[in-house]
Amino acid sequence: MNFMNQAFLLAKKAELHGDVPIGAVIVQNEKIIARGENRVQKSKNPTLHAEIVAINKACRKTNSKFLDDCDLYVTLEPCSMCATAISFARIRNIYFAARDEKGGGITSNAKIFEND
């Protein structure tokens, strides 16, 4: 299964309900355990980015606040808020399809993982 393709399907879903088209999946043992798409506009909540939605679902599914044996696939470089949440969840690997020069928090701008 191509996990990034699954994230892109979720991005299309987000776009259908008026959100920025970003999707994310969390994988554990080569199986998707959580999916999320941007829900900021739909839910009128600025924190409901695709990564946050997926992290919340994965934590509920694993009954743990740490996802250190999980990987995240997301269609766009996570912002600083999401990068920090990813760090707090201890997600093992992050794969993103495109850099976000304007709002990215990993390789662009804040570079959350380069700070102690």
N, C-alpha and C. Protein backbone atom coordinates (compact mmCIF):
# COMPACT_ATOMS: atom_id res chain seq x y z
N MET A 1 0.85 -1.19 0.00
CA MET A 1 0.00 0.00 0.00
C MET A 1 0.89 1.24 0.00
N ASN A 2 0.54 2.20 -0.81
CA ASN A 2 1.29 3.44 -0.83
C ASN A 2 0.65 4.40 0.18
N PHE A 3 1.32 4.59 1.29
CA PHE A 3 0.75 5.40 2.37
C PHE A 3 0.56 6.86 1.97
N MET A 4 1.49 7.40 1.17
CA MET A 4 1.35 8.79 0.75
C MET A 4 0.11 8.96 -0.15
N ASN A 5 -0.18 7.97 -0.99
CA ASN A 5 -1.39 8.05 -1.81
C ASN A 5 -2.64 8.13 -0.93
N GLN A 6 -2.63 7.40 0.17
CA GLN A 6 -3.76 7.46 1.10
C GLN A 6 -3.89 8.86 1.70
N ALA A 7 -2.76 9.49 2.00
CA ALA A 7 -2.79 10.86 2.52
C ALA A 7 -3.36 11.82 1.48
N PHE A 8 -3.00 11.61 0.21
CA PHE A 8 -3.54 12.48 -0.85
C PHE A 8 -5.05 12.32 -1.01
N LEU A 9 -5.57 11.12 -0.82
CA LEU A 9 -7.02 10.92 -0.87
C LEU A 9 -7.70 11.72 0.24
N LEU A 10 -7.08 11.75 1.41
CA LEU A 10 -7.63 12.53 2.52
C LEU A 10 -7.54 14.03 2.24
N ALA A 11 -6.50 14.46 1.55
CA ALA A 11 -6.37 15.87 1.18
C ALA A 11 -7.52 16.28 0.27
N LYS A 12 -7.88 15.41 -0.65
CA LYS A 12 -9.02 15.70 -1.53
C LYS A 12 -10.31 15.81 -0.73
N LYS A 13 -10.45 14.97 0.26
CA LYS A 13 -11.63 15.01 1.14
C LYS A 13 -11.69 16.35 1.87
N ALA A 14 -10.55 16.82 2.37
CA ALA A 14 -10.51 18.11 3.06
C ALA A 14 -10.93 19.24 2.13
N GLU A 15 -10.45 19.19 0.91
CA GLU A 15 -10.80 20.23 -0.06
C GLU A 15 -12.30 20.25 -0.33
N LEU A 16 -12.93 19.10 -0.34
CA LEU A 16 -14.38 19.02 -0.60
C LEU A 16 -15.20 19.75 0.45
N HIS A 17 -14.70 19.81 1.69
CA HIS A 17 -15.45 20.54 2.72
C HIS A 17 -14.86 21.91 3.02
N GLY A 18 -14.09 22.44 2.06
CA GLY A 18 -13.64 23.83 2.15
C GLY A 18 -12.36 24.07 2.92
N ASP A 19 -11.65 23.02 3.26
CA ASP A 19 -10.40 23.18 4.00
C ASP A 19 -9.21 23.14 3.06
N VAL A 20 -8.06 23.60 3.55
CA VAL A 20 -6.82 23.48 2.81
C VAL A 20 -6.59 21.99 2.58
N PRO A 21 -6.31 21.57 1.36
CA PRO A 21 -6.22 20.14 1.07
C PRO A 21 -4.93 19.49 1.57
N ILE A 22 -4.98 19.07 2.83
CA ILE A 22 -3.86 18.37 3.45
C ILE A 22 -4.42 17.12 4.13
N GLY A 23 -3.73 16.00 3.91
CA GLY A 23 -4.12 14.74 4.53
C GLY A 23 -2.93 14.09 5.19
N ALA A 24 -3.21 13.25 6.19
CA ALA A 24 -2.14 12.58 6.94
C ALA A 24 -2.59 11.19 7.34
N VAL A 25 -1.64 10.27 7.33
CA VAL A 25 -1.89 8.93 7.87
C VAL A 25 -0.76 8.56 8.82
N ILE A 26 -1.10 7.79 9.83
CA ILE A 26 -0.11 7.28 10.77
C ILE A 26 -0.07 5.77 10.62
N VAL A 27 1.16 5.27 10.47
CA VAL A 27 1.39 3.86 10.17
C VAL A 27 2.16 3.20 11.31
N GLN A 28 1.70 2.04 11.70
CA GLN A 28 2.37 1.23 12.73
C GLN A 28 2.45 -0.20 12.18
N ASN A 29 3.63 -0.78 12.17
CA ASN A 29 3.82 -2.14 11.66
C ASN A 29 3.26 -2.31 10.24
N GLU A 30 3.54 -1.31 9.40
CA GLU A 30 3.14 -1.33 7.99
C GLU A 30 1.62 -1.34 7.79
N LYS A 31 0.87 -0.83 8.78
CA LYS A 31 -0.58 -0.75 8.68
C LYS A 31 -1.03 0.63 9.12
N ILE A 32 -1.96 1.22 8.39
CA ILE A 32 -2.52 2.52 8.77
C ILE A 32 -3.38 2.33 10.01
N ILE A 33 -3.03 3.08 11.07
CA ILE A 33 -3.83 3.01 12.29
C ILE A 33 -4.65 4.27 12.51
N ALA A 34 -4.33 5.36 11.78
CA ALA A 34 -5.09 6.60 11.94
C ALA A 34 -4.99 7.43 10.68
N ARG A 35 -6.06 8.15 10.40
CA ARG A 35 -6.13 9.04 9.24
C ARG A 35 -6.65 10.39 9.70
N GLY A 36 -6.23 11.43 9.00
CA GLY A 36 -6.74 12.75 9.32
C GLY A 36 -6.66 13.66 8.12
N GLU A 37 -7.62 14.53 8.01
CA GLU A 37 -7.58 15.58 7.00
C GLU A 37 -7.85 16.90 7.69
N ASN A 38 -7.41 17.99 7.08
CA ASN A 38 -7.67 19.30 7.67
C ASN A 38 -9.16 19.47 7.91
N ARG A 39 -9.50 19.93 9.12
CA ARG A 39 -10.90 20.15 9.50
C ARG A 39 -11.08 21.54 10.12
N VAL A 40 -10.16 22.43 9.85
CA VAL A 40 -10.18 23.77 10.45
C VAL A 40 -11.46 24.51 10.09
N GLN A 41 -11.76 24.60 8.81
CA GLN A 41 -12.97 25.32 8.37
C GLN A 41 -14.23 24.56 8.75
N LYS A 42 -14.22 23.27 8.50
CA LYS A 42 -15.41 22.45 8.77
C LYS A 42 -15.81 22.50 10.25
N SER A 43 -14.82 22.42 11.13
CA SER A 43 -15.10 22.39 12.57
C SER A 43 -14.96 23.74 13.25
N LYS A 44 -14.52 24.75 12.49
CA LYS A 44 -14.30 26.09 13.05
C LYS A 44 -13.34 26.02 14.24
N ASN A 45 -12.24 25.27 14.02
CA ASN A 45 -11.24 25.07 15.07
C ASN A 45 -9.86 25.16 14.45
N PRO A 46 -9.08 26.18 14.80
CA PRO A 46 -7.77 26.39 14.15
C PRO A 46 -6.74 25.32 14.47
N THR A 47 -7.00 24.46 15.41
CA THR A 47 -6.01 23.43 15.76
C THR A 47 -6.23 22.11 15.02
N LEU A 48 -7.30 21.98 14.28
CA LEU A 48 -7.61 20.69 13.67
C LEU A 48 -6.95 20.51 12.30
N HIS A 49 -5.62 20.57 12.33
CA HIS A 49 -4.84 20.26 11.15
C HIS A 49 -4.83 18.74 10.97
N ALA A 50 -4.55 18.29 9.76
CA ALA A 50 -4.58 16.86 9.45
C ALA A 50 -3.71 16.04 10.39
N GLU A 51 -2.52 16.56 10.69
CA GLU A 51 -1.60 15.82 11.56
C GLU A 51 -2.15 15.68 12.97
N ILE A 52 -2.74 16.74 13.49
CA ILE A 52 -3.31 16.73 14.84
C ILE A 52 -4.49 15.75 14.90
N VAL A 53 -5.35 15.80 13.89
CA VAL A 53 -6.48 14.88 13.84
C VAL A 53 -5.97 13.43 13.85
N ALA A 54 -4.97 13.14 13.02
CA ALA A 54 -4.42 11.78 12.95
C ALA A 54 -3.75 11.37 14.26
N ILE A 55 -2.99 12.28 14.86
CA ILE A 55 -2.33 11.97 16.14
C ILE A 55 -3.36 11.65 17.21
N ASN A 56 -4.42 12.44 17.29
CA ASN A 56 -5.46 12.18 18.30
C ASN A 56 -6.08 10.80 18.10
N LYS A 57 -6.37 10.45 16.85
CA LYS A 57 -6.96 9.13 16.57
C LYS A 57 -5.98 8.01 16.91
N ALA A 58 -4.71 8.19 16.55
CA ALA A 58 -3.70 7.15 16.83
C ALA A 58 -3.51 6.95 18.33
N CYS A 59 -3.51 8.03 19.08
CA CYS A 59 -3.35 7.92 20.54
C CYS A 59 -4.53 7.18 21.15
N ARG A 60 -5.74 7.48 20.66
CA ARG A 60 -6.91 6.75 21.16
C ARG A 60 -6.81 5.26 20.80
N LYS A 61 -6.41 4.99 19.57
CA LYS A 61 -6.34 3.59 19.12
C LYS A 61 -5.29 2.80 19.90
N THR A 62 -4.13 3.40 20.15
CA THR A 62 -3.05 2.70 20.85
C THR A 62 -3.15 2.83 22.36
N ASN A 63 -4.05 3.70 22.82
CA ASN A 63 -4.20 3.98 24.25
C ASN A 63 -2.87 4.45 24.85
N SER A 64 -2.19 5.32 24.10
CA SER A 64 -0.89 5.82 24.54
C SER A 64 -0.71 7.25 24.07
N LYS A 65 0.05 8.02 24.83
CA LYS A 65 0.38 9.38 24.39
C LYS A 65 1.64 9.40 23.53
N PHE A 66 2.32 8.28 23.44
CA PHE A 66 3.54 8.18 22.63
C PHE A 66 3.32 7.24 21.45
N LEU A 67 3.81 7.67 20.30
CA LEU A 67 3.67 6.91 19.06
C LEU A 67 5.06 6.63 18.49
N ASP A 68 5.97 6.22 19.36
CA ASP A 68 7.37 6.10 18.97
C ASP A 68 7.66 4.94 18.03
N ASP A 69 6.69 4.08 17.79
CA ASP A 69 6.87 3.01 16.81
C ASP A 69 6.00 3.26 15.57
N CYS A 70 5.66 4.53 15.36
CA CYS A 70 4.79 4.92 14.26
C CYS A 70 5.48 5.91 13.32
N ASP A 71 5.01 5.90 12.08
CA ASP A 71 5.48 6.84 11.06
C ASP A 71 4.30 7.67 10.59
N LEU A 72 4.59 8.91 10.22
CA LEU A 72 3.57 9.84 9.73
C LEU A 72 3.84 10.15 8.27
N TYR A 73 2.81 10.05 7.45
CA TYR A 73 2.85 10.44 6.05
C TYR A 73 1.87 11.58 5.88
N VAL A 74 2.36 12.72 5.37
CA VAL A 74 1.52 13.90 5.23
C VAL A 74 1.83 14.58 3.90
N THR A 75 0.81 15.20 3.32
CA THR A 75 0.95 15.74 1.98
C THR A 75 1.73 17.04 1.92
N LEU A 76 1.85 17.76 3.01
CA LEU A 76 2.59 19.02 3.05
C LEU A 76 3.39 19.09 4.34
N GLU A 77 4.55 19.71 4.26
CA GLU A 77 5.41 19.88 5.43
C GLU A 77 4.59 20.42 6.61
N PRO A 78 4.64 19.77 7.75
CA PRO A 78 3.89 20.24 8.91
C PRO A 78 4.32 21.64 9.37
N CYS A 79 3.34 22.38 9.86
CA CYS A 79 3.61 23.71 10.43
C CYS A 79 4.29 23.54 11.79
N SER A 80 4.64 24.65 12.41
CA SER A 80 5.31 24.60 13.71
C SER A 80 4.45 23.94 14.78
N MET A 81 3.14 24.22 14.79
CA MET A 81 2.25 23.62 15.78
C MET A 81 2.24 22.10 15.62
N CYS A 82 2.10 21.66 14.38
CA CYS A 82 2.04 20.22 14.13
C CYS A 82 3.39 19.55 14.37
N ALA A 83 4.47 20.22 13.98
CA ALA A 83 5.81 19.66 14.21
C ALA A 83 6.05 19.47 15.71
N THR A 84 5.60 20.41 16.50
CA THR A 84 5.74 20.30 17.95
C THR A 84 4.91 19.14 18.49
N ALA A 85 3.67 19.01 18.01
CA ALA A 85 2.82 17.89 18.44
C ALA A 85 3.44 16.56 18.03
N ILE A 86 4.00 16.49 16.83
CA ILE A 86 4.67 15.28 16.36
C ILE A 86 5.83 14.94 17.29
N SER A 87 6.57 15.96 17.69
CA SER A 87 7.69 15.77 18.61
C SER A 87 7.20 15.25 19.96
N PHE A 88 6.15 15.87 20.50
CA PHE A 88 5.61 15.44 21.79
C PHE A 88 5.07 14.02 21.72
N ALA A 89 4.52 13.61 20.57
CA ALA A 89 4.00 12.25 20.41
C ALA A 89 5.12 11.24 20.15
N ARG A 90 6.32 11.76 19.93
CA ARG A 90 7.50 10.92 19.68
C ARG A 90 7.36 10.04 18.44
N ILE A 91 6.72 10.56 17.41
CA ILE A 91 6.58 9.83 16.16
C ILE A 91 7.97 9.57 15.58
N ARG A 92 8.19 8.34 15.16
CA ARG A 92 9.51 7.88 14.73
C ARG A 92 9.99 8.58 13.45
N ASN A 93 9.20 8.57 12.39
CA ASN A 93 9.59 9.15 11.11
C ASN A 93 8.46 10.00 10.54
N ILE A 94 8.84 11.07 9.84
CA ILE A 94 7.88 11.94 9.17
C ILE A 94 8.25 11.96 7.69
N TYR A 95 7.25 11.70 6.86
CA TYR A 95 7.44 11.78 5.41
C TYR A 95 6.43 12.78 4.87
N PHE A 96 6.90 13.83 4.20
CA PHE A 96 5.96 14.77 3.60
C PHE A 96 6.27 14.94 2.13
N ALA A 97 5.21 15.19 1.36
CA ALA A 97 5.32 15.21 -0.09
C ALA A 97 5.88 16.52 -0.63
N ALA A 98 5.65 17.62 0.06
CA ALA A 98 6.10 18.92 -0.44
C ALA A 98 6.50 19.83 0.72
N ARG A 99 7.52 20.63 0.47
CA ARG A 99 7.93 21.64 1.46
C ARG A 99 6.92 22.78 1.46
N ASP A 100 6.79 23.44 2.59
CA ASP A 100 5.94 24.62 2.73
C ASP A 100 6.83 25.80 3.09
N GLU A 101 7.29 26.50 2.09
CA GLU A 101 8.21 27.62 2.30
C GLU A 101 7.62 28.68 3.22
N LYS A 102 6.31 28.86 3.16
CA LYS A 102 5.64 29.91 3.94
C LYS A 102 5.38 29.50 5.39
N GLY A 103 4.86 28.29 5.59
CA GLY A 103 4.41 27.92 6.93
C GLY A 103 5.01 26.66 7.50
N GLY A 104 5.96 26.07 6.79
CA GLY A 104 6.53 24.81 7.26
C GLY A 104 7.32 24.96 8.54
N GLY A 105 7.32 23.93 9.35
CA GLY A 105 8.02 23.98 10.63
C GLY A 105 9.11 22.94 10.79
N ILE A 106 9.50 22.28 9.69
CA ILE A 106 10.53 21.25 9.80
C ILE A 106 11.77 21.63 8.99
N THR A 107 11.61 21.87 7.71
CA THR A 107 12.76 22.27 6.89
C THR A 107 12.71 23.75 6.52
N SER A 108 11.58 24.36 6.75
CA SER A 108 11.38 25.78 6.45
C SER A 108 11.11 26.51 7.76
N ASN A 109 11.34 27.78 7.81
CA ASN A 109 11.00 28.65 8.93
C ASN A 109 11.50 28.17 10.29
N ALA A 110 10.61 27.69 11.15
CA ALA A 110 10.94 27.43 12.56
C ALA A 110 11.94 26.28 12.75
N LYS A 111 11.92 25.30 11.89
CA LYS A 111 12.81 24.14 11.98
C LYS A 111 12.82 23.54 13.39
N ILE A 112 11.64 23.14 13.81
CA ILE A 112 11.39 22.65 15.17
C ILE A 112 12.37 21.56 15.61
N PHE A 113 12.73 20.66 14.73
CA PHE A 113 13.57 19.53 15.13
C PHE A 113 15.05 19.89 15.21
N GLU A 114 15.40 21.10 14.85
CA GLU A 114 16.78 21.55 14.99
C GLU A 114 17.02 22.25 16.32
N ASN A 115 15.96 22.42 17.10
CA ASN A 115 16.07 23.06 18.41
C ASN A 115 16.08 22.01 19.52
N ASP A 116 16.78 22.32 20.61
CA ASP A 116 16.80 21.41 21.75
C ASP A 116 15.49 21.50 22.52
